[in-house]
Amino acid sequence: MVVILNLIKRLREDTSGVAAIWTTLLAIIVFTLTALAVDGSWIFYTRSRLQATADASVLAAAANHDTYIDVANAYAETNMPATDNGDVLADVDIENGTWDAGTRTFDPAGTPVDAFRVTTRRATANGNALPLFFAQILGDNEIDVSMTATAITYREEMPTTACILTLSELDLSLTFTGNPDIIADGCSIMSNSTGDPSIKQTGSSYVVADCVYAVGEIQDKNIETTGCPAPVPNIPPVQDPYFDIEVPSPLPACRASVPDFGPGTENYIDAADGRFCSNIDIQGTVYLSPGVYYFSEDFDINSGAYVAGTGVTIVLTSETSPSTNTMFINGGAELHLSAPTSGDFSGILFYQDRNITWPTDPNSTINGNANSELTGAIYFPTSGLTINGTSGSVDDAAAGCLQIIADTLFFAGDATVGSNCDGAGTRDVIIYGAWQVQLVD
């Protein structure tokens, strides 16, 4: 028994080997801290890169609505190439929707689209989870890391609407030539063309408008802008205000008979009597009752004619597609016409069916005069229109309302376009500045 007690006493008092034990324990702690530091720094670095990539990609997406997925992917590839990082951005992680500033939430199903969200990943789901270093000893070979960015997009509405608009997106679409005076009273001029130039002024023509805008370039010699310092190129295109207006199908039946519209004649015409299915050449006096008048062939109003009507829409249409019928109004004719203020063709005075296209220009032509009064929109969305003088009002342009909208426009005569369209039934041609983008989350 004494022997056992002495053995226990010697073991208790023996301190040899303690340093080795403490060294081993401290080595384990240092290694663990080093592993955490190295892998933690690696994760932090990757998160920073993923966030920077998400920010760049979402800003690019927000600035390019039509191609936002392709653009976002391109920015992601530039910032974190797939050869080194795998695919950090999948199409499913590029979303558009709406942003609620009050609750600071993104709704991917919201409309109209005013926000974009991008999530970049080094994750198992993308096949590119982030590999770890020292943590592998503990059985953690890789980790999923993702970062998200949200950006809103907006554009400022210009302080004026357009009363002259060209819809063609290519080449020169709006020309002022010769020596006419073009007055856009209280409104602006806009071209959707990306051409260089998109708007061209030649000769000694003189143009006055609140402002002149174009998607492309503007070649001007004598344009006076009263609402902006100078003409403004390179802005986004505007929406066709009447894009949703279509002719009915089927078209109204042809008229049983067509009156004589020759010189010295006087006719009272009712829209309910049907469609004009032959070439019409008006040279006498015509009174139009309120309604929509359909013309399937060429429609001319010649010198000496007097045409009047309130609540009237004249539709150039065709039963074949495409078609090339035109409208010609002679400068010797006198017109007093106003569009309806309600109904399917509200605000539209002349409407050209989208089936009618001209691959080259012979255009429809309006040769106006100072005695004519046209109220409403002249709308030729798929063909050219030549204006050799017209007016939005008999006495005072500021009191009138006239919109001229066509695929292309060629002004070679004086024209005054009034913008006092309250109650006229027309739709505003709203002009916006360039898209602005901002990170919000």
Protein backbone atom coordinates (compact mmCIF):
# COMPACT_ATOMS: atom_id res chain seq x y z
CA MET A 1 0.00 0.00 0.00
CA VAL A 2 2.89 2.34 0.88
CA VAL A 3 4.48 1.60 -2.47
CA ILE A 4 1.33 2.64 -4.35
CA LEU A 5 1.04 5.87 -2.37
CA ASN A 6 4.65 6.79 -3.13
CA LEU A 7 4.08 6.15 -6.85
CA ILE A 8 1.05 8.49 -6.92
CA LYS A 9 3.05 11.16 -5.08
CA ARG A 10 5.90 11.01 -7.63
CA LEU A 11 3.48 11.26 -10.59
CA ARG A 12 1.80 14.28 -9.03
CA GLU A 13 5.07 16.08 -8.55
CA ASP A 14 6.49 15.18 -12.01
CA THR A 15 6.08 18.23 -14.42
CA SER A 16 8.09 16.93 -17.33
CA GLY A 17 6.18 17.07 -20.76
CA VAL A 18 3.79 19.92 -19.82
CA ALA A 19 5.39 22.29 -22.35
CA ALA A 20 4.81 19.82 -25.12
CA ILE A 21 1.16 19.56 -24.24
CA TRP A 22 0.67 23.34 -24.12
CA THR A 23 2.63 23.76 -27.34
CA THR A 24 0.38 21.29 -29.08
CA LEU A 25 -2.75 23.01 -27.78
CA LEU A 26 -1.48 26.47 -28.80
CA ALA A 27 -0.49 25.16 -32.25
CA ILE A 28 -4.00 23.88 -32.79
CA ILE A 29 -5.47 27.25 -31.77
CA VAL A 30 -3.07 29.23 -33.98
CA PHE A 31 -3.73 26.96 -36.93
CA THR A 32 -7.48 27.30 -36.46
CA LEU A 33 -7.25 31.09 -36.26
CA THR A 34 -5.02 31.19 -39.32
CA ALA A 35 -7.43 28.98 -41.22
CA LEU A 36 -10.32 31.22 -40.25
CA ALA A 37 -8.36 34.32 -41.23
CA VAL A 38 -7.29 32.96 -44.62
CA ASP A 39 -10.66 31.47 -45.57
CA GLY A 40 -12.52 34.44 -44.08
CA SER A 41 -10.44 36.89 -46.10
CA TRP A 42 -11.03 34.78 -49.22
CA ILE A 43 -14.78 34.81 -48.62
CA PHE A 44 -14.79 38.56 -47.89
CA TYR A 45 -12.79 39.25 -51.06
CA THR A 46 -15.17 37.14 -53.15
CA ARG A 47 -18.23 38.83 -51.64
CA SER A 48 -16.76 42.22 -52.53
CA ARG A 49 -16.17 41.13 -56.11
CA LEU A 50 -19.65 39.62 -56.40
CA GLN A 51 -21.21 42.83 -55.04
CA ALA A 52 -19.24 45.05 -57.43
CA THR A 53 -20.26 42.77 -60.31
CA ALA A 54 -23.92 42.81 -59.24
CA ASP A 55 -23.86 46.61 -58.99
CA ALA A 56 -22.32 47.06 -62.45
CA SER A 57 -24.61 44.49 -64.04
CA VAL A 58 -27.84 45.87 -62.59
CA LEU A 59 -26.98 49.45 -63.55
CA ALA A 60 -26.28 48.29 -67.09
CA ALA A 61 -29.54 46.34 -67.19
CA ALA A 62 -31.53 49.31 -65.95
CA ALA A 63 -30.02 51.52 -68.65
CA ASN A 64 -30.85 49.05 -71.43
CA HIS A 65 -34.46 47.93 -71.02
CA ASP A 66 -34.79 46.08 -74.30
CA THR A 67 -31.60 44.02 -73.94
CA TYR A 68 -31.20 43.99 -70.16
CA ILE A 69 -30.39 40.26 -69.85
CA ASP A 70 -27.66 40.28 -72.50
CA VAL A 71 -26.16 43.51 -71.19
CA ALA A 72 -26.14 42.33 -67.57
CA ASN A 73 -24.45 39.08 -68.56
CA ALA A 74 -21.82 40.97 -70.55
CA TYR A 75 -20.94 43.16 -67.56
CA ALA A 76 -20.78 40.12 -65.28
CA GLU A 77 -18.39 38.37 -67.67
CA THR A 78 -16.19 41.47 -67.85
CA ASN A 79 -15.98 41.79 -64.06
CA MET A 80 -15.71 38.10 -63.15
CA PRO A 81 -14.77 36.02 -66.21
CA ALA A 82 -16.29 32.56 -66.34
CA THR A 83 -12.90 31.00 -67.01
CA ASP A 84 -11.81 31.93 -63.47
CA ASN A 85 -15.10 32.06 -61.57
CA GLY A 86 -17.63 29.95 -63.43
CA ASP A 87 -20.91 31.56 -64.42
CA VAL A 88 -21.56 34.00 -61.59
CA LEU A 89 -24.75 35.34 -63.20
CA ALA A 90 -27.57 33.13 -64.50
CA ASP A 91 -30.44 34.51 -66.60
CA VAL A 92 -32.90 33.54 -63.86
CA ASP A 93 -31.06 35.89 -61.50
CA ILE A 94 -31.63 38.92 -63.77
CA GLU A 95 -35.11 40.26 -62.97
CA ASN A 96 -37.21 43.28 -63.79
CA GLY A 97 -40.20 44.55 -61.89
CA THR A 98 -41.15 47.41 -59.59
CA TRP A 99 -39.57 49.03 -56.55
CA ASP A 100 -41.60 50.25 -53.56
CA ALA A 101 -39.57 53.05 -52.01
CA GLY A 102 -41.76 53.10 -48.90
CA THR A 103 -41.22 49.46 -47.94
CA ARG A 104 -37.93 49.16 -49.85
CA THR A 105 -39.09 45.99 -51.54
CA PHE A 106 -38.71 44.67 -55.09
CA ASP A 107 -41.64 42.97 -56.83
CA PRO A 108 -40.53 40.89 -59.84
CA ALA A 109 -44.14 40.65 -61.04
CA GLY A 110 -44.85 44.38 -60.82
CA THR A 111 -45.68 46.62 -63.76
CA PRO A 112 -44.87 49.00 -65.28
CA VAL A 113 -41.23 48.06 -65.00
CA ASP A 114 -39.20 50.63 -63.10
CA ALA A 115 -36.57 48.49 -61.38
CA PHE A 116 -34.12 45.67 -61.98
CA ARG A 117 -32.53 43.16 -59.60
CA VAL A 118 -29.39 41.08 -60.14
CA THR A 119 -28.00 38.29 -57.93
CA THR A 120 -24.43 37.11 -58.54
CA ARG A 121 -23.29 33.77 -57.11
CA ARG A 122 -20.40 31.49 -56.40
CA ALA A 123 -22.72 28.66 -55.48
CA THR A 124 -23.44 24.99 -55.95
CA ALA A 125 -26.58 25.88 -57.93
CA ASN A 126 -24.38 27.60 -60.54
CA GLY A 127 -21.75 24.86 -60.45
CA ASN A 128 -19.12 27.26 -59.13
CA ALA A 129 -19.25 27.08 -55.32
CA LEU A 130 -16.33 28.90 -53.67
CA PRO A 131 -13.50 26.47 -52.70
CA LEU A 132 -11.95 26.88 -49.26
CA PHE A 133 -8.38 26.25 -48.12
CA PHE A 134 -7.71 25.29 -44.51
CA ALA A 135 -11.37 24.61 -43.75
CA GLN A 136 -11.08 21.51 -45.92
CA ILE A 137 -9.22 19.86 -43.02
CA LEU A 138 -12.44 20.22 -41.03
CA GLY A 139 -14.48 18.76 -43.89
CA ASP A 140 -15.71 22.07 -45.39
CA ASN A 141 -14.47 21.96 -48.97
CA GLU A 142 -16.55 24.83 -50.38
CA ILE A 143 -19.17 27.41 -49.51
CA ASP A 144 -22.05 29.20 -51.31
CA VAL A 145 -21.68 32.99 -51.57
CA SER A 146 -24.16 35.36 -53.26
CA MET A 147 -24.74 39.12 -53.45
CA THR A 148 -27.72 41.10 -54.72
CA ALA A 149 -28.12 44.61 -56.16
CA THR A 150 -31.28 46.52 -57.12
CA ALA A 151 -31.48 49.61 -59.31
CA ILE A 152 -34.39 51.84 -60.25
CA THR A 153 -34.77 53.48 -63.63
CA TYR A 154 -36.57 56.68 -64.46
CA ARG A 155 -36.61 59.47 -66.98
CA GLU A 156 -37.79 63.01 -66.69
CA GLU A 157 -40.74 64.18 -68.72
CA MET A 158 -39.89 67.20 -70.84
CA PRO A 159 -41.89 70.34 -70.09
CA THR A 160 -43.50 70.33 -73.53
CA THR A 161 -45.34 67.90 -75.80
CA ALA A 162 -44.76 67.42 -79.53
CA CYS A 163 -47.18 68.52 -82.22
CA ILE A 164 -44.94 67.39 -85.09
CA LEU A 165 -43.61 63.82 -84.89
CA THR A 166 -41.91 61.42 -87.30
CA LEU A 167 -42.05 57.71 -86.46
CA SER A 168 -39.43 56.29 -88.83
CA GLU A 169 -36.50 54.88 -86.86
CA LEU A 170 -33.99 54.99 -89.72
CA ASP A 171 -32.26 57.59 -91.87
CA LEU A 172 -33.46 61.14 -92.42
CA SER A 173 -37.11 61.37 -91.39
CA LEU A 174 -37.89 65.09 -91.06
CA THR A 175 -36.88 67.70 -93.64
CA PHE A 176 -37.43 71.45 -93.81
CA THR A 177 -36.45 72.79 -97.22
CA GLY A 178 -36.88 75.83 -99.46
CA ASN A 179 -37.94 79.00 -97.67
CA PRO A 180 -41.00 78.13 -95.57
CA ASP A 181 -41.77 79.39 -92.10
CA ILE A 182 -42.70 76.52 -89.77
CA ILE A 183 -44.30 77.65 -86.55
CA ALA A 184 -44.96 75.06 -83.83
CA ASP A 185 -46.81 77.33 -81.45
CA GLY A 186 -46.51 76.26 -77.82
CA CYS A 187 -45.28 72.76 -78.71
CA SER A 188 -42.20 70.88 -79.87
CA ILE A 189 -40.92 68.91 -82.86
CA MET A 190 -39.68 65.33 -82.45
CA SER A 191 -38.04 62.69 -84.67
CA ASN A 192 -37.74 59.03 -83.65
CA SER A 193 -35.07 58.38 -86.27
CA THR A 194 -31.53 57.39 -85.29
CA GLY A 195 -30.23 58.94 -88.52
CA ASP A 196 -27.32 61.31 -88.87
CA PRO A 197 -29.06 63.55 -89.49
CA SER A 198 -32.48 62.61 -88.24
CA ILE A 199 -33.77 66.16 -88.81
CA LYS A 200 -32.37 68.32 -91.60
CA GLN A 201 -32.94 71.97 -92.41
CA THR A 202 -31.88 73.33 -95.77
CA GLY A 203 -32.35 76.46 -97.85
CA SER A 204 -33.64 79.52 -96.04
CA SER A 205 -36.38 77.78 -94.07
CA TYR A 206 -37.15 79.17 -90.64
CA VAL A 207 -38.42 76.96 -87.82
CA VAL A 208 -39.77 78.10 -84.46
CA ALA A 209 -40.80 75.65 -81.73
CA ASP A 210 -40.70 75.23 -77.97
CA CYS A 211 -37.89 72.77 -78.62
CA VAL A 212 -36.68 70.38 -81.32
CA TYR A 213 -35.74 66.83 -80.29
CA ALA A 214 -34.37 63.78 -82.10
CA VAL A 215 -33.13 60.29 -81.33
CA GLY A 216 -30.38 60.86 -83.88
CA GLU A 217 -28.58 64.03 -84.92
CA ILE A 218 -30.06 67.40 -85.91
CA GLN A 219 -28.65 69.40 -88.81
CA ASP A 220 -30.07 72.88 -88.42
CA LYS A 221 -29.35 76.25 -90.00
CA ASN A 222 -32.07 78.47 -88.62
CA ILE A 223 -34.08 76.82 -85.85
CA GLU A 224 -35.31 79.02 -83.02
CA THR A 225 -36.21 77.24 -79.80
CA THR A 226 -38.23 79.24 -77.29
CA GLY A 227 -38.38 76.65 -74.51
CA CYS A 228 -34.87 75.18 -74.54
CA PRO A 229 -31.42 76.66 -75.22
CA ALA A 230 -30.88 74.72 -78.45
CA PRO A 231 -32.17 71.66 -80.37
CA VAL A 232 -31.66 68.46 -78.37
CA PRO A 233 -30.32 65.31 -80.15
CA ASN A 234 -29.76 61.79 -78.78
CA ILE A 235 -32.82 61.34 -76.58
CA PRO A 236 -35.02 58.23 -76.31
CA PRO A 237 -37.78 57.70 -78.91
CA VAL A 238 -41.32 58.61 -77.98
CA GLN A 239 -44.26 56.26 -78.13
CA ASP A 240 -46.66 56.55 -81.04
CA PRO A 241 -49.67 58.09 -79.28
CA TYR A 242 -52.15 56.31 -81.56
CA PHE A 243 -50.39 52.94 -81.79
CA ASP A 244 -53.50 51.06 -80.66
CA ILE A 245 -55.95 52.58 -83.14
CA GLU A 246 -56.94 50.16 -85.91
CA VAL A 247 -59.49 50.20 -88.71
CA PRO A 248 -62.43 47.86 -88.15
CA SER A 249 -62.58 44.45 -89.73
CA PRO A 250 -64.48 43.87 -91.87
CA LEU A 251 -64.57 47.31 -93.45
CA PRO A 252 -67.92 48.99 -94.06
CA ALA A 253 -69.60 47.97 -97.29
CA CYS A 254 -69.05 50.04 -100.42
CA ARG A 255 -71.52 52.83 -101.12
CA ALA A 256 -74.27 51.98 -103.53
CA SER A 257 -73.54 55.15 -105.49
CA VAL A 258 -71.03 57.98 -105.44
CA PRO A 259 -72.18 61.56 -105.99
CA ASP A 260 -70.72 63.91 -108.55
CA PHE A 261 -67.98 65.94 -106.82
CA GLY A 262 -67.15 68.05 -109.89
CA PRO A 263 -66.78 71.85 -110.05
CA GLY A 264 -69.89 73.77 -108.98
CA THR A 265 -71.51 70.80 -107.22
CA GLU A 266 -72.76 70.81 -103.62
CA ASN A 267 -73.14 67.61 -101.62
CA TYR A 268 -74.15 66.68 -98.10
CA ILE A 269 -72.50 63.40 -97.19
CA ASP A 270 -73.43 60.98 -94.41
CA ALA A 271 -70.78 58.59 -93.07
CA ALA A 272 -73.41 55.91 -92.51
CA ASP A 273 -73.89 55.49 -96.26
CA GLY A 274 -70.75 53.35 -96.48
CA ARG A 275 -67.21 53.30 -97.80
CA PHE A 276 -65.91 55.07 -100.93
CA CYS A 277 -64.44 52.27 -103.02
CA SER A 278 -63.26 54.24 -106.07
CA ASN A 279 -60.90 57.16 -106.60
CA ILE A 280 -62.42 60.37 -105.23
CA ASP A 281 -61.62 63.81 -106.64
CA ILE A 282 -63.52 66.61 -104.88
CA GLN A 283 -63.73 69.89 -106.80
CA GLY A 284 -67.02 71.27 -105.52
CA THR A 285 -68.56 71.95 -102.11
CA VAL A 286 -68.93 69.09 -99.64
CA TYR A 287 -70.47 69.13 -96.18
CA LEU A 288 -69.64 66.11 -94.05
CA SER A 289 -71.91 65.05 -91.21
CA PRO A 290 -70.15 63.81 -88.04
CA GLY A 291 -68.68 60.33 -88.43
CA VAL A 292 -65.87 58.21 -89.85
CA TYR A 293 -65.42 58.25 -93.65
CA TYR A 294 -63.55 55.37 -95.31
CA PHE A 295 -61.74 55.73 -98.64
CA SER A 296 -60.27 52.60 -100.26
CA GLU A 297 -58.65 54.34 -103.23
CA ASP A 298 -56.88 57.65 -103.82
CA PHE A 299 -58.52 60.62 -102.12
CA ASP A 300 -57.98 64.09 -103.67
CA ILE A 301 -59.37 67.51 -102.80
CA ASN A 302 -58.57 69.85 -105.66
CA SER A 303 -58.48 73.57 -106.37
CA GLY A 304 -61.83 75.29 -105.95
CA ALA A 305 -63.16 72.72 -103.49
CA TYR A 306 -64.74 73.68 -100.19
CA VAL A 307 -64.99 70.89 -97.59
CA ALA A 308 -66.42 71.37 -94.10
CA GLY A 309 -67.36 69.09 -91.26
CA THR A 310 -67.31 68.79 -87.47
CA GLY A 311 -66.58 65.55 -85.61
CA VAL A 312 -65.11 64.01 -88.76
CA THR A 313 -62.39 61.38 -89.34
CA ILE A 314 -61.21 60.59 -92.85
CA VAL A 315 -59.65 57.11 -93.06
CA LEU A 316 -57.48 56.02 -95.97
CA THR A 317 -57.67 52.25 -96.03
CA SER A 318 -57.58 49.25 -98.32
CA GLU A 319 -58.80 45.68 -98.59
CA THR A 320 -55.38 44.59 -99.81
CA SER A 321 -52.10 44.59 -97.92
CA PRO A 322 -49.85 46.30 -98.63
CA SER A 323 -51.54 49.12 -100.51
CA THR A 324 -50.28 52.38 -101.96
CA ASN A 325 -53.25 54.72 -102.15
CA THR A 326 -52.56 58.35 -101.30
CA MET A 327 -54.21 61.61 -100.30
CA PHE A 328 -53.69 64.90 -102.16
CA ILE A 329 -55.06 68.25 -101.01
CA ASN A 330 -54.56 71.15 -103.41
CA GLY A 331 -53.57 74.56 -102.10
CA GLY A 332 -56.55 76.11 -103.88
CA ALA A 333 -58.99 74.11 -101.74
CA GLU A 334 -60.50 75.46 -98.54
CA LEU A 335 -61.02 73.07 -95.64
CA HIS A 336 -62.81 73.58 -92.32
CA LEU A 337 -62.59 70.21 -90.61
CA SER A 338 -62.40 69.10 -86.98
CA ALA A 339 -61.94 65.64 -85.50
CA PRO A 340 -64.36 63.91 -83.12
CA THR A 341 -63.64 64.49 -79.43
CA SER A 342 -64.67 60.98 -78.35
CA GLY A 343 -65.05 57.47 -79.75
CA ASP A 344 -62.60 55.11 -81.45
CA PHE A 345 -61.02 57.82 -83.56
CA SER A 346 -61.10 60.55 -80.94
CA GLY A 347 -58.87 63.46 -81.91
CA ILE A 348 -57.90 61.99 -85.30
CA LEU A 349 -58.82 64.03 -88.37
CA PHE A 350 -56.94 62.08 -91.07
CA TYR A 351 -55.98 58.46 -90.44
CA GLN A 352 -53.88 56.34 -92.79
CA ASP A 353 -54.28 52.57 -92.43
CA ARG A 354 -51.02 50.78 -91.54
CA ASN A 355 -51.61 48.54 -94.59
CA ILE A 356 -50.67 51.53 -96.74
CA THR A 357 -46.92 51.81 -97.25
CA TRP A 358 -44.72 53.52 -99.78
CA PRO A 359 -41.28 51.93 -100.33
CA THR A 360 -40.15 55.20 -101.94
CA ASP A 361 -41.68 58.64 -102.01
CA PRO A 362 -44.46 59.60 -103.84
CA ASN A 363 -46.03 60.77 -100.56
CA SER A 364 -49.43 62.00 -99.67
CA THR A 365 -49.47 65.78 -99.91
CA ILE A 366 -51.24 68.61 -98.14
CA ASN A 367 -51.04 72.00 -99.84
CA GLY A 368 -52.75 74.21 -97.32
CA ASN A 369 -53.74 77.84 -97.40
CA ALA A 370 -54.35 80.59 -94.88
CA ASN A 371 -58.14 80.21 -95.08
CA SER A 372 -58.22 76.55 -94.09
CA GLU A 373 -58.76 75.35 -90.55
CA LEU A 374 -57.84 71.82 -89.49
CA THR A 375 -58.37 70.66 -85.91
CA GLY A 376 -57.09 67.28 -84.75
CA ALA A 377 -54.35 64.85 -85.69
CA ILE A 378 -53.07 64.12 -89.19
CA TYR A 379 -51.82 60.56 -88.72
CA PHE A 380 -49.83 58.70 -91.41
CA PRO A 381 -47.83 56.08 -89.43
CA THR A 382 -46.40 54.02 -92.28
CA SER A 383 -45.91 56.43 -95.19
CA GLY A 384 -44.46 59.82 -95.95
CA LEU A 385 -46.34 63.10 -95.91
CA THR A 386 -45.41 66.32 -97.68
CA ILE A 387 -46.66 69.58 -96.18
CA ASN A 388 -46.73 72.61 -98.43
CA GLY A 389 -48.59 74.85 -96.02
CA THR A 390 -51.36 74.36 -93.51
CA SER A 391 -52.76 75.96 -90.39
CA GLY A 392 -54.15 74.88 -87.07
CA SER A 393 -56.45 77.90 -86.94
CA VAL A 394 -58.01 80.46 -89.25
CA ASP A 395 -57.11 83.58 -87.30
CA ASP A 396 -54.85 82.66 -84.39
CA ALA A 397 -52.54 79.66 -84.36
CA ALA A 398 -52.40 79.73 -80.56
CA ALA A 399 -56.15 79.07 -80.51
CA GLY A 400 -55.90 76.01 -82.75
CA CYS A 401 -55.01 72.35 -82.30
CA LEU A 402 -53.15 70.41 -84.95
CA GLN A 403 -50.85 67.38 -84.66
CA ILE A 404 -48.88 66.13 -87.66
CA ILE A 405 -47.59 62.56 -87.20
CA ALA A 406 -46.13 60.50 -90.05
CA ASP A 407 -43.47 57.95 -90.86
CA THR A 408 -41.54 60.74 -92.61
CA LEU A 409 -42.32 64.42 -93.07
CA PHE A 410 -41.19 66.84 -95.75
CA PHE A 411 -42.00 70.52 -95.18
CA ALA A 412 -41.68 72.74 -98.25
CA GLY A 413 -44.29 75.40 -97.48
CA ASP A 414 -45.40 77.60 -94.61
CA ALA A 415 -47.12 75.76 -91.80
CA THR A 416 -48.48 76.88 -88.46
CA VAL A 417 -49.31 74.21 -85.93
CA GLY A 418 -51.26 75.20 -82.82
CA SER A 419 -51.13 73.24 -79.59
CA ASN A 420 -54.23 74.37 -77.75
CA CYS A 421 -55.72 70.87 -77.73
CA ASP A 422 -57.72 70.91 -74.49
CA GLY A 423 -61.05 69.28 -75.30
CA ALA A 424 -59.99 68.36 -78.85
CA GLY A 425 -59.82 64.63 -78.10
CA THR A 426 -56.19 64.28 -79.18
CA ARG A 427 -53.55 62.36 -77.22
CA ASP A 428 -50.42 64.06 -75.94
CA VAL A 429 -47.09 63.20 -77.56
CA ILE A 430 -44.99 63.01 -74.39
CA ILE A 431 -41.25 63.46 -74.71
CA TYR A 432 -38.83 62.05 -72.14
CA GLY A 433 -35.18 62.66 -71.46
CA ALA A 434 -32.54 59.95 -71.32
CA TRP A 435 -32.97 57.07 -68.89
CA GLN A 436 -31.51 57.69 -65.44
CA VAL A 437 -30.51 54.81 -63.17
CA GLN A 438 -29.80 54.62 -59.44
CA LEU A 439 -28.79 51.88 -57.05
CA VAL A 440 -31.31 51.51 -54.22
CA ASP A 441 -30.37 48.21 -52.59
